[in-house]
């Protein structure tokens, strides 16, 4: 294969340093911000207790901060103002919880105080660090891939015909554009993961590297497909950004779909749903890995097929 297109793209990319800086800045900042948020320690719940329940102040619990309230008449005001998350009194040997929070919090706290049931902190409930990180990585890469295909659109502005006359096949041309995009995104994301994740005590693994490899292939194929589909780079970027954000939200990748809703039924159509599942696999949550990989690979093949087909049609018109 003649790698002229690939070589020229890298030469132009390194000359136009603003694109290089944009890719690094967006990738590193989004990766660091996401990793920082998902590793934040959950804050303690501040509980005020009456003098009848002051023995609770001796309790040692990582999820609760207990303070004795000496002026009982002020307790409700303090709950409303947010000084306390709940107020606890003791009547007939049982603890009574007063709070303005949701009923599940009140019940969990009451069960813990009266029956000894363990309160699980937010950080211990279904911790999905890699699910969130990889979802954001995929969303960022899908948008950045459209920015990088600026070089593809440059080729279309008059250079397209000379490329066709040079003897480079449509498949080779399309694959080299795709390969350039993939190499840039993969290398920058991997460098970001290697530098940033250890700083936040998130373990690196070969599985994570392979998953990132697959995500960048997917993002690059998505960008290639959309770029061949549209007339201008600005149009591809606008449509692609809207599609990326909308499908990410509908896929349930970041926010779990409510059962029985339309979103619950259609979320399996979107590839981000399966990228999130790859993250869940890294979080040690059981998934059907073979099915997940198969769907993502099918999307990659579909996107590249559409891209090559559209490029062939464009060549015929030229």
C-alpha atoms as a PDB file:
ATOM      1  CA  UNK A   1       0.000   0.000   0.000  1.00  0.00           C
ATOM      2  CA  UNK A   2       1.227   3.511  -0.868  1.00  0.00           C
ATOM      3  CA  UNK A   3       1.170   5.509   2.403  1.00  0.00           C
ATOM      4  CA  UNK A   4       1.488   8.941   0.770  1.00  0.00           C
ATOM      5  CA  UNK A   5      -1.805  10.213   2.231  1.00  0.00           C
ATOM      6  CA  UNK A   6      -0.934   9.043   5.733  1.00  0.00           C
ATOM      7  CA  UNK A   7       2.519  10.644   5.588  1.00  0.00           C
ATOM      8  CA  UNK A   8       1.202  13.952   4.251  1.00  0.00           C
ATOM      9  CA  UNK A   9      -1.507  14.079   6.929  1.00  0.00           C
ATOM     10  CA  UNK A  10       1.073  13.698   9.694  1.00  0.00           C
ATOM     11  CA  UNK A  11       3.277  16.373   8.139  1.00  0.00           C
ATOM     12  CA  UNK A  12       0.350  18.810   7.989  1.00  0.00           C
ATOM     13  CA  UNK A  13      -0.807  17.859  11.483  1.00  0.00           C
ATOM     14  CA  UNK A  14       2.604  18.623  12.995  1.00  0.00           C
ATOM     15  CA  UNK A  15       2.854  21.899  11.059  1.00  0.00           C
ATOM     16  CA  UNK A  16      -0.566  23.102  12.207  1.00  0.00           C
ATOM     17  CA  UNK A  17       0.207  22.995  15.918  1.00  0.00           C
ATOM     18  CA  UNK A  18      -3.161  24.413  16.997  1.00  0.00           C
ATOM     19  CA  UNK A  19      -4.878  21.125  16.113  1.00  0.00           C
ATOM     20  CA  UNK A  20      -2.214  19.203  17.986  1.00  0.00           C
ATOM     21  CA  UNK A  21      -2.738  21.403  21.069  1.00  0.00           C
ATOM     22  CA  UNK A  22      -6.543  21.192  20.854  1.00  0.00           C
ATOM     23  CA  UNK A  23      -6.488  17.388  20.792  1.00  0.00           C
ATOM     24  CA  UNK A  24      -4.082  17.179  23.741  1.00  0.00           C
ATOM     25  CA  UNK A  25      -5.862  19.847  25.800  1.00  0.00           C
ATOM     26  CA  UNK A  26      -9.368  18.434  25.326  1.00  0.00           C
ATOM     27  CA  UNK A  27      -8.272  14.813  25.845  1.00  0.00           C
ATOM     28  CA  UNK A  28      -6.201  15.448  28.971  1.00  0.00           C
ATOM     29  CA  UNK A  29      -8.647  17.869  30.614  1.00  0.00           C
ATOM     30  CA  UNK A  30     -11.724  15.670  30.057  1.00  0.00           C
ATOM     31  CA  UNK A  31      -9.838  12.557  31.165  1.00  0.00           C
ATOM     32  CA  UNK A  32      -8.496  14.186  34.326  1.00  0.00           C
ATOM     33  CA  UNK A  33     -11.823  15.804  35.261  1.00  0.00           C
ATOM     34  CA  UNK A  34     -13.747  12.557  34.784  1.00  0.00           C
ATOM     35  CA  UNK A  35     -11.202  10.452  36.666  1.00  0.00           C
ATOM     36  CA  UNK A  36     -11.122  12.958  39.518  1.00  0.00           C
ATOM     37  CA  UNK A  37     -14.907  13.024  39.887  1.00  0.00           C
ATOM     38  CA  UNK A  38     -15.354   9.227  39.876  1.00  0.00           C
ATOM     39  CA  UNK A  39     -12.661   8.772  42.540  1.00  0.00           C
ATOM     40  CA  UNK A  40     -13.941  11.465  44.886  1.00  0.00           C
ATOM     41  CA  UNK A  41     -14.693  10.235  48.386  1.00  0.00           C
ATOM     42  CA  UNK A  42     -18.364  10.501  49.282  1.00  0.00           C
ATOM     43  CA  UNK A  43     -19.025  13.191  51.885  1.00  0.00           C
ATOM     44  CA  UNK A  44     -20.309  12.216  55.302  1.00  0.00           C
ATOM     45  CA  UNK A  45     -23.942  12.721  56.248  1.00  0.00           C
ATOM     46  CA  UNK A  46     -24.249  15.255  59.081  1.00  0.00           C
ATOM     47  CA  UNK A  47     -26.657  14.013  61.747  1.00  0.00           C
ATOM     48  CA  UNK A  48     -27.949  16.084  64.653  1.00  0.00           C
ATOM     49  CA  UNK A  49     -29.151  14.143  67.711  1.00  0.00           C
ATOM     50  CA  UNK A  50     -31.253  15.162  70.683  1.00  0.00           C
ATOM     51  CA  UNK A  51     -30.010  14.777  74.261  1.00  0.00           C
ATOM     52  CA  UNK A  52     -32.121  11.612  74.536  1.00  0.00           C
ATOM     53  CA  UNK A  53     -29.994  10.062  71.781  1.00  0.00           C
ATOM     54  CA  UNK A  54     -26.638  11.605  72.710  1.00  0.00           C
ATOM     55  CA  UNK A  55     -25.021   8.145  72.992  1.00  0.00           C
ATOM     56  CA  UNK A  56     -24.896   8.211  69.186  1.00  0.00           C
ATOM     57  CA  UNK A  57     -22.147  10.852  69.377  1.00  0.00           C
ATOM     58  CA  UNK A  58     -19.772   8.076  70.488  1.00  0.00           C
ATOM     59  CA  UNK A  59     -20.542   6.091  67.338  1.00  0.00           C
ATOM     60  CA  UNK A  60     -17.663   5.619  64.890  1.00  0.00           C
ATOM     61  CA  UNK A  61     -18.986   5.420  61.325  1.00  0.00           C
ATOM     62  CA  UNK A  62     -17.187   6.518  58.147  1.00  0.00           C
ATOM     63  CA  UNK A  63     -20.464   7.624  56.541  1.00  0.00           C
ATOM     64  CA  UNK A  64     -21.932   9.636  59.425  1.00  0.00           C
ATOM     65  CA  UNK A  65     -20.880  12.721  61.363  1.00  0.00           C
ATOM     66  CA  UNK A  66     -22.939  12.978  64.566  1.00  0.00           C
ATOM     67  CA  UNK A  67     -23.425  16.161  66.632  1.00  0.00           C
ATOM     68  CA  UNK A  68     -25.497  16.639  69.768  1.00  0.00           C
ATOM     69  CA  UNK A  69     -28.113  19.392  69.406  1.00  0.00           C
ATOM     70  CA  UNK A  70     -28.673  21.051  72.761  1.00  0.00           C
ATOM     71  CA  UNK A  71     -31.467  23.373  71.706  1.00  0.00           C
ATOM     72  CA  UNK A  72     -34.107  21.029  70.342  1.00  0.00           C
ATOM     73  CA  UNK A  73     -36.314  23.848  69.116  1.00  0.00           C
ATOM     74  CA  UNK A  74     -33.702  24.791  66.507  1.00  0.00           C
ATOM     75  CA  UNK A  75     -33.420  21.340  64.912  1.00  0.00           C
ATOM     76  CA  UNK A  76     -35.980  21.780  62.114  1.00  0.00           C
ATOM     77  CA  UNK A  77     -34.549  25.149  61.121  1.00  0.00           C
ATOM     78  CA  UNK A  78     -31.077  23.596  60.885  1.00  0.00           C
ATOM     79  CA  UNK A  79     -32.381  20.743  58.703  1.00  0.00           C
ATOM     80  CA  UNK A  80     -34.011  23.191  56.294  1.00  0.00           C
ATOM     81  CA  UNK A  81     -30.876  25.351  56.150  1.00  0.00           C
ATOM     82  CA  UNK A  82     -28.775  22.273  55.403  1.00  0.00           C
ATOM     83  CA  UNK A  83     -26.707  22.267  58.588  1.00  0.00           C
ATOM     84  CA  UNK A  84     -27.885  18.709  59.251  1.00  0.00           C
ATOM     85  CA  UNK A  85     -28.990  16.009  56.831  1.00  0.00           C
ATOM     86  CA  UNK A  86     -31.193  14.480  59.525  1.00  0.00           C
ATOM     87  CA  UNK A  87     -32.200  14.891  63.156  1.00  0.00           C
ATOM     88  CA  UNK A  88     -32.523  11.877  65.450  1.00  0.00           C
ATOM     89  CA  UNK A  89     -34.487  11.577  68.676  1.00  0.00           C
ATOM     90  CA  UNK A  90     -35.115   8.589  70.916  1.00  0.00           C
ATOM     91  CA  UNK A  91     -38.594   7.569  72.010  1.00  0.00           C
ATOM     92  CA  UNK A  92     -39.544   4.369  73.871  1.00  0.00           C
ATOM     93  CA  UNK A  93     -36.153   2.837  73.134  1.00  0.00           C
ATOM     94  CA  UNK A  94     -36.349   3.456  69.378  1.00  0.00           C
ATOM     95  CA  UNK A  95     -34.596   6.070  67.293  1.00  0.00           C
ATOM     96  CA  UNK A  96     -36.791   8.378  65.230  1.00  0.00           C
ATOM     97  CA  UNK A  97     -35.359  10.030  62.114  1.00  0.00           C
ATOM     98  CA  UNK A  98     -36.539  13.439  60.911  1.00  0.00           C
ATOM     99  CA  UNK A  99     -35.236  14.625  57.540  1.00  0.00           C
ATOM    100  CA  UNK A 100     -36.211  16.526  54.413  1.00  0.00           C
ATOM    101  CA  UNK A 101     -34.314  14.069  52.211  1.00  0.00           C
ATOM    102  CA  UNK A 102     -35.801  11.200  50.227  1.00  0.00           C
ATOM    103  CA  UNK A 103     -37.591   8.423  52.095  1.00  0.00           C
ATOM    104  CA  UNK A 104     -34.957   5.822  51.187  1.00  0.00           C
ATOM    105  CA  UNK A 105     -32.327   7.812  53.125  1.00  0.00           C
ATOM    106  CA  UNK A 106     -34.628   8.098  56.139  1.00  0.00           C
ATOM    107  CA  UNK A 107     -35.405   4.366  56.047  1.00  0.00           C
ATOM    108  CA  UNK A 108     -31.748   3.374  55.625  1.00  0.00           C
ATOM    109  CA  UNK A 109     -30.673   5.525  58.573  1.00  0.00           C
ATOM    110  CA  UNK A 110     -33.554   4.286  60.744  1.00  0.00           C
ATOM    111  CA  UNK A 111     -32.765   0.645  59.898  1.00  0.00           C
ATOM    112  CA  UNK A 112     -29.113   1.219  60.740  1.00  0.00           C
ATOM    113  CA  UNK A 113     -29.801   2.848  64.104  1.00  0.00           C
ATOM    114  CA  UNK A 114     -32.587   0.517  65.235  1.00  0.00           C
ATOM    115  CA  UNK A 115     -31.686  -2.789  63.573  1.00  0.00           C
ATOM    116  CA  UNK A 116     -27.964  -2.482  62.878  1.00  0.00           C
ATOM    117  CA  UNK A 117     -28.306  -2.763  59.089  1.00  0.00           C
ATOM    118  CA  UNK A 118     -25.173  -1.467  57.380  1.00  0.00           C
ATOM    119  CA  UNK A 119     -25.382   1.799  55.469  1.00  0.00           C
ATOM    120  CA  UNK A 120     -23.523   1.510  52.194  1.00  0.00           C
ATOM    121  CA  UNK A 121     -21.715   4.638  51.140  1.00  0.00           C
ATOM    122  CA  UNK A 122     -22.173   5.987  47.643  1.00  0.00           C
ATOM    123  CA  UNK A 123     -18.594   5.017  46.868  1.00  0.00           C
ATOM    124  CA  UNK A 124     -19.266   1.382  47.717  1.00  0.00           C
ATOM    125  CA  UNK A 125     -22.469   0.989  45.748  1.00  0.00           C
ATOM    126  CA  UNK A 126     -21.832  -0.297  42.232  1.00  0.00           C
ATOM    127  CA  UNK A 127     -18.618   1.680  41.783  1.00  0.00           C
ATOM    128  CA  UNK A 128     -18.349   2.074  38.035  1.00  0.00           C
ATOM    129  CA  UNK A 129     -15.118   3.981  37.581  1.00  0.00           C
ATOM    130  CA  UNK A 130     -14.132   2.600  34.177  1.00  0.00           C
ATOM    131  CA  UNK A 131     -17.691   2.670  32.850  1.00  0.00           C
ATOM    132  CA  UNK A 132     -17.809   6.435  33.311  1.00  0.00           C
ATOM    133  CA  UNK A 133     -14.226   7.052  32.168  1.00  0.00           C
ATOM    134  CA  UNK A 134     -14.585   5.032  28.953  1.00  0.00           C
ATOM    135  CA  UNK A 135     -17.972   6.561  28.162  1.00  0.00           C
ATOM    136  CA  UNK A 136     -16.457  10.040  28.359  1.00  0.00           C
ATOM    137  CA  UNK A 137     -13.359   8.914  26.406  1.00  0.00           C
ATOM    138  CA  UNK A 138     -15.572   7.585  23.606  1.00  0.00           C
ATOM    139  CA  UNK A 139     -17.700  10.743  23.508  1.00  0.00           C
ATOM    140  CA  UNK A 140     -14.625  12.999  23.447  1.00  0.00           C
ATOM    141  CA  UNK A 141     -12.874  10.909  20.786  1.00  0.00           C
ATOM    142  CA  UNK A 142     -15.955  10.813  18.544  1.00  0.00           C
ATOM    143  CA  UNK A 143     -16.050  14.621  18.537  1.00  0.00           C
ATOM    144  CA  UNK A 144     -12.271  15.030  18.184  1.00  0.00           C
ATOM    145  CA  UNK A 145     -12.226  12.610  15.259  1.00  0.00           C
ATOM    146  CA  UNK A 146     -14.463  15.025  13.365  1.00  0.00           C
ATOM    147  CA  UNK A 147     -11.997  17.844  14.059  1.00  0.00           C
ATOM    148  CA  UNK A 148      -9.103  15.711  12.809  1.00  0.00           C
ATOM    149  CA  UNK A 149     -10.915  14.918   9.564  1.00  0.00           C
ATOM    150  CA  UNK A 150     -10.259  18.551   8.696  1.00  0.00           C
ATOM    151  CA  UNK A 151      -7.338  17.180   6.656  1.00  0.00           C
ATOM    152  CA  UNK A 152      -9.730  14.923   4.744  1.00  0.00           C
ATOM    153  CA  UNK A 153     -11.884  17.922   3.849  1.00  0.00           C
ATOM    154  CA  UNK A 154      -8.750  19.835   2.795  1.00  0.00           C
ATOM    155  CA  UNK A 155      -8.085  17.035   0.303  1.00  0.00           C
ATOM    156  CA  UNK A 156     -11.604  17.378  -1.054  1.00  0.00           C
ATOM    157  CA  UNK A 157     -11.047  21.064  -1.832  1.00  0.00           C
ATOM    158  CA  UNK A 158      -9.438  20.524  -5.212  1.00  0.00           C
ATOM    159  CA  UNK A 159      -6.836  17.943  -4.215  1.00  0.00           C
ATOM    160  CA  UNK A 160      -9.355  15.114  -4.556  1.00  0.00           C
ATOM    161  CA  UNK A 161      -9.009  14.964  -8.326  1.00  0.00           C
ATOM    162  CA  UNK A 162      -5.205  14.824  -8.212  1.00  0.00           C
ATOM    163  CA  UNK A 163      -5.421  11.983  -5.697  1.00  0.00           C
ATOM    164  CA  UNK A 164      -7.730  10.072  -8.023  1.00  0.00           C
ATOM    165  CA  UNK A 165      -5.336  10.594 -10.931  1.00  0.00           C
ATOM    166  CA  UNK A 166      -2.358   9.418  -8.851  1.00  0.00           C
ATOM    167  CA  UNK A 167      -3.614   5.840  -8.895  1.00  0.00           C
ATOM    168  CA  UNK A 168      -4.377   5.519  -5.165  1.00  0.00           C
ATOM    169  CA  UNK A 169      -7.467   3.352  -4.813  1.00  0.00           C
ATOM    170  CA  UNK A 170     -10.555   4.597  -3.011  1.00  0.00           C
ATOM    171  CA  UNK A 171     -10.211   1.906  -0.346  1.00  0.00           C
ATOM    172  CA  UNK A 172      -6.539   2.763   0.265  1.00  0.00           C
ATOM    173  CA  UNK A 173      -7.291   6.488   0.407  1.00  0.00           C
ATOM    174  CA  UNK A 174     -10.182   6.054   2.863  1.00  0.00           C
ATOM    175  CA  UNK A 175      -8.244   3.635   5.071  1.00  0.00           C
ATOM    176  CA  UNK A 176      -5.248   5.978   5.265  1.00  0.00           C
ATOM    177  CA  UNK A 177      -7.480   8.870   6.353  1.00  0.00           C
ATOM    178  CA  UNK A 178      -9.016   6.572   8.956  1.00  0.00           C
ATOM    179  CA  UNK A 179      -5.617   5.249  10.075  1.00  0.00           C
ATOM    180  CA  UNK A 180      -4.199   8.742  10.577  1.00  0.00           C
ATOM    181  CA  UNK A 181      -7.158   9.677  12.748  1.00  0.00           C
ATOM    182  CA  UNK A 182      -6.941   6.475  14.775  1.00  0.00           C
ATOM    183  CA  UNK A 183      -3.179   6.697  15.429  1.00  0.00           C
ATOM    184  CA  UNK A 184      -3.414  10.287  16.707  1.00  0.00           C
ATOM    185  CA  UNK A 185      -6.395   9.620  18.987  1.00  0.00           C
ATOM    186  CA  UNK A 186      -5.078   6.321  20.318  1.00  0.00           C
ATOM    187  CA  UNK A 187      -1.575   7.581  21.133  1.00  0.00           C
ATOM    188  CA  UNK A 188      -2.786  10.758  22.857  1.00  0.00           C
ATOM    189  CA  UNK A 189      -5.442   8.898  24.868  1.00  0.00           C
ATOM    190  CA  UNK A 190      -3.003   6.179  25.930  1.00  0.00           C
ATOM    191  CA  UNK A 191      -0.423   8.760  27.013  1.00  0.00           C
ATOM    192  CA  UNK A 192      -3.170  10.555  28.950  1.00  0.00           C
ATOM    193  CA  UNK A 193      -4.278   7.350  30.675  1.00  0.00           C
ATOM    194  CA  UNK A 194      -0.711   6.367  31.581  1.00  0.00           C
ATOM    195  CA  UNK A 195       0.086   9.798  33.038  1.00  0.00           C
ATOM    196  CA  UNK A 196      -3.190  10.746  34.737  1.00  0.00           C
ATOM    197  CA  UNK A 197      -4.766   7.553  36.107  1.00  0.00           C
ATOM    198  CA  UNK A 198      -1.878   6.607  38.446  1.00  0.00           C
ATOM    199  CA  UNK A 199      -2.016  10.137  39.904  1.00  0.00           C
ATOM    200  CA  UNK A 200      -5.574   9.358  41.049  1.00  0.00           C
ATOM    201  CA  UNK A 201      -4.779   5.804  42.192  1.00  0.00           C
ATOM    202  CA  UNK A 202      -6.637   4.165  39.310  1.00  0.00           C
ATOM    203  CA  UNK A 203      -4.973   0.960  38.167  1.00  0.00           C
ATOM    204  CA  UNK A 204      -3.776   0.546  34.593  1.00  0.00           C
ATOM    205  CA  UNK A 205      -4.150  -2.786  32.807  1.00  0.00           C
ATOM    206  CA  UNK A 206      -3.675  -4.375  29.413  1.00  0.00           C
ATOM    207  CA  UNK A 207      -7.456  -4.790  29.263  1.00  0.00           C
ATOM    208  CA  UNK A 208      -7.844  -1.025  29.587  1.00  0.00           C
ATOM    209  CA  UNK A 209      -5.313  -0.439  26.793  1.00  0.00           C
ATOM    210  CA  UNK A 210      -7.079  -2.921  24.503  1.00  0.00           C
ATOM    211  CA  UNK A 211     -10.469  -1.379  25.282  1.00  0.00           C
ATOM    212  CA  UNK A 212      -9.108   2.093  24.495  1.00  0.00           C
ATOM    213  CA  UNK A 213      -7.671   0.685  21.257  1.00  0.00           C
ATOM    214  CA  UNK A 214     -11.135  -0.569  20.272  1.00  0.00           C
ATOM    215  CA  UNK A 215     -12.850   2.675  21.290  1.00  0.00           C
ATOM    216  CA  UNK A 216     -10.491   4.764  19.141  1.00  0.00           C
ATOM    217  CA  UNK A 217     -11.091   2.478  16.154  1.00  0.00           C
ATOM    218  CA  UNK A 218     -14.819   2.973  16.680  1.00  0.00           C
ATOM    219  CA  UNK A 219     -14.505   6.766  17.088  1.00  0.00           C
ATOM    220  CA  UNK A 220     -12.333   7.069  13.967  1.00  0.00           C
ATOM    221  CA  UNK A 221     -14.713   4.961  11.872  1.00  0.00           C
ATOM    222  CA  UNK A 222     -17.653   7.072  13.092  1.00  0.00           C
ATOM    223  CA  UNK A 223     -15.848  10.267  12.089  1.00  0.00           C
ATOM    224  CA  UNK A 224     -14.845   8.818   8.702  1.00  0.00           C
ATOM    225  CA  UNK A 225     -18.399   7.758   7.934  1.00  0.00           C
ATOM    226  CA  UNK A 226     -19.885  11.127   8.859  1.00  0.00           C
ATOM    227  CA  UNK A 227     -17.185  13.077   7.001  1.00  0.00           C
ATOM    228  CA  UNK A 228     -17.817  11.249   3.726  1.00  0.00           C
ATOM    229  CA  UNK A 229     -21.536  11.777   4.277  1.00  0.00           C
ATOM    230  CA  UNK A 230     -21.433  15.575   4.604  1.00  0.00           C
ATOM    231  CA  UNK A 231     -20.300  18.406   2.339  1.00  0.00           C
ATOM    232  CA  UNK A 232     -18.252  20.511   4.775  1.00  0.00           C
ATOM    233  CA  UNK A 233     -16.160  19.944   7.888  1.00  0.00           C
ATOM    234  CA  UNK A 234     -18.302  22.377   9.906  1.00  0.00           C
ATOM    235  CA  UNK A 235     -21.426  20.425   8.985  1.00  0.00           C
ATOM    236  CA  UNK A 236     -19.848  17.126   9.980  1.00  0.00           C
ATOM    237  CA  UNK A 237     -18.678  18.607  13.290  1.00  0.00           C
ATOM    238  CA  UNK A 238     -22.071  20.122  14.107  1.00  0.00           C
ATOM    239  CA  UNK A 239     -24.099  17.041  13.183  1.00  0.00           C
ATOM    240  CA  UNK A 240     -21.562  14.685  14.733  1.00  0.00           C
ATOM    241  CA  UNK A 241     -21.450  16.547  18.044  1.00  0.00           C
ATOM    242  CA  UNK A 242     -25.241  16.564  18.338  1.00  0.00           C
ATOM    243  CA  UNK A 243     -25.456  12.882  17.404  1.00  0.00           C
ATOM    244  CA  UNK A 244     -22.685  11.949  19.829  1.00  0.00           C
ATOM    245  CA  UNK A 245     -24.236  13.701  22.822  1.00  0.00           C
ATOM    246  CA  UNK A 246     -27.818  12.649  22.023  1.00  0.00           C
ATOM    247  CA  UNK A 247     -27.006   8.974  21.454  1.00  0.00           C
ATOM    248  CA  UNK A 248     -24.804   8.911  24.549  1.00  0.00           C
ATOM    249  CA  UNK A 249     -27.709  10.164  26.675  1.00  0.00           C
ATOM    250  CA  UNK A 250     -30.206   7.755  25.105  1.00  0.00           C
ATOM    251  CA  UNK A 251     -27.837   4.786  25.408  1.00  0.00           C
ATOM    252  CA  UNK A 252     -27.958   4.754  29.205  1.00  0.00           C
ATOM    253  CA  UNK A 253     -24.152   4.826  29.252  1.00  0.00           C
ATOM    254  CA  UNK A 254     -23.923   7.470  31.981  1.00  0.00           C
ATOM    255  CA  UNK A 255     -27.465   7.571  33.348  1.00  0.00           C
ATOM    256  CA  UNK A 256     -29.373   4.337  33.846  1.00  0.00           C
ATOM    257  CA  UNK A 257     -32.600   4.184  31.852  1.00  0.00           C
ATOM    258  CA  UNK A 258     -35.787   3.922  33.887  1.00  0.00           C
ATOM    259  CA  UNK A 259     -37.417   0.529  33.447  1.00  0.00           C
ATOM    260  CA  UNK A 260     -40.437   0.390  31.163  1.00  0.00           C
ATOM    261  CA  UNK A 261     -39.652   3.669  29.400  1.00  0.00           C
ATOM    262  CA  UNK A 262     -38.975   4.162  25.697  1.00  0.00           C
ATOM    263  CA  UNK A 263     -35.314   4.790  26.502  1.00  0.00           C
ATOM    264  CA  UNK A 264     -35.129   1.436  28.273  1.00  0.00           C
ATOM    265  CA  UNK A 265     -36.255  -0.249  25.053  1.00  0.00           C
ATOM    266  CA  UNK A 266     -34.106   1.639  22.546  1.00  0.00           C
ATOM    267  CA  UNK A 267     -30.850   2.000  24.526  1.00  0.00           C
ATOM    268  CA  UNK A 268     -29.511  -1.263  23.066  1.00  0.00           C
ATOM    269  CA  UNK A 269     -29.504   0.268  19.581  1.00  0.00           C
ATOM    270  CA  UNK A 270     -26.728   2.725  20.424  1.00  0.00           C
ATOM    271  CA  UNK A 271     -23.048   1.697  20.402  1.00  0.00           C
ATOM    272  CA  UNK A 272     -22.234   3.777  23.491  1.00  0.00           C
ATOM    273  CA  UNK A 273     -24.336   1.340  25.507  1.00  0.00           C
ATOM    274  CA  UNK A 274     -21.875  -1.419  24.658  1.00  0.00           C
ATOM    275  CA  UNK A 275     -18.819   0.778  25.206  1.00  0.00           C
ATOM    276  CA  UNK A 276     -20.161   1.422  28.710  1.00  0.00           C
ATOM    277  CA  UNK A 277     -20.476  -2.343  29.145  1.00  0.00           C
ATOM    278  CA  UNK A 278     -16.767  -2.718  28.336  1.00  0.00           C
ATOM    279  CA  UNK A 279     -16.128  -0.290  31.189  1.00  0.00           C
ATOM    280  CA  UNK A 280     -18.389  -2.341  33.449  1.00  0.00           C
ATOM    281  CA  UNK A 281     -16.331  -5.406  32.565  1.00  0.00           C
ATOM    282  CA  UNK A 282     -13.214  -3.580  33.783  1.00  0.00           C
ATOM    283  CA  UNK A 283     -15.166  -2.707  36.943  1.00  0.00           C
ATOM    284  CA  UNK A 284     -15.616  -6.467  37.519  1.00  0.00           C
ATOM    285  CA  UNK A 285     -19.327  -6.404  36.713  1.00  0.00           C
ATOM    286  CA  UNK A 286     -20.548  -9.456  34.822  1.00  0.00           C
ATOM    287  CA  UNK A 287     -21.561  -8.779  31.220  1.00  0.00           C
ATOM    288  CA  UNK A 288     -21.855 -10.840  28.038  1.00  0.00           C
ATOM    289  CA  UNK A 289     -18.436  -9.788  26.745  1.00  0.00           C
ATOM    290  CA  UNK A 290     -18.654 -11.692  23.452  1.00  0.00           C
ATOM    291  CA  UNK A 291     -21.970 -10.037  22.547  1.00  0.00           C
ATOM    292  CA  UNK A 292     -20.662  -6.608  23.533  1.00  0.00           C
ATOM    293  CA  UNK A 293     -17.506  -6.916  21.424  1.00  0.00           C
ATOM    294  CA  UNK A 294     -19.492  -8.302  18.491  1.00  0.00           C
ATOM    295  CA  UNK A 295     -21.858  -5.322  18.420  1.00  0.00           C
ATOM    296  CA  UNK A 296     -19.029  -2.767  18.563  1.00  0.00           C
ATOM    297  CA  UNK A 297     -17.083  -4.537  15.803  1.00  0.00           C
ATOM    298  CA  UNK A 298     -20.235  -4.689  13.652  1.00  0.00           C
ATOM    299  CA  UNK A 299     -20.687  -0.931  14.040  1.00  0.00           C
ATOM    300  CA  UNK A 300     -17.050  -0.347  13.030  1.00  0.00           C
ATOM    301  CA  UNK A 301     -17.470  -2.487   9.900  1.00  0.00           C
ATOM    302  CA  UNK A 302     -20.766  -0.761   9.044  1.00  0.00           C
ATOM    303  CA  UNK A 303     -19.303   2.735   9.431  1.00  0.00           C
ATOM    304  CA  UNK A 304     -16.256   1.904   7.292  1.00  0.00           C
ATOM    305  CA  UNK A 305     -18.404   0.273   4.614  1.00  0.00           C
ATOM    306  CA  UNK A 306     -20.568   3.403   4.398  1.00  0.00           C
ATOM    307  CA  UNK A 307     -17.458   5.627   4.303  1.00  0.00           C
ATOM    308  CA  UNK A 308     -15.840   3.667   1.459  1.00  0.00           C
ATOM    309  CA  UNK A 309     -19.122   3.526  -0.472  1.00  0.00           C
ATOM    310  CA  UNK A 310     -19.672   7.295  -0.167  1.00  0.00           C
ATOM    311  CA  UNK A 311     -16.075   7.967  -1.197  1.00  0.00           C
ATOM    312  CA  UNK A 312     -16.499   5.764  -4.274  1.00  0.00           C
ATOM    313  CA  UNK A 313     -19.624   7.695  -5.245  1.00  0.00           C
ATOM    314  CA  UNK A 314     -17.723  10.960  -4.837  1.00  0.00           C
ATOM    315  CA  UNK A 315     -14.907   9.641  -7.051  1.00  0.00           C
ATOM    316  CA  UNK A 316     -17.415   8.756  -9.763  1.00  0.00           C
ATOM    317  CA  UNK A 317     -18.842  12.282  -9.663  1.00  0.00           C
ATOM    318  CA  UNK A 318     -15.368  13.773 -10.003  1.00  0.00           C
END
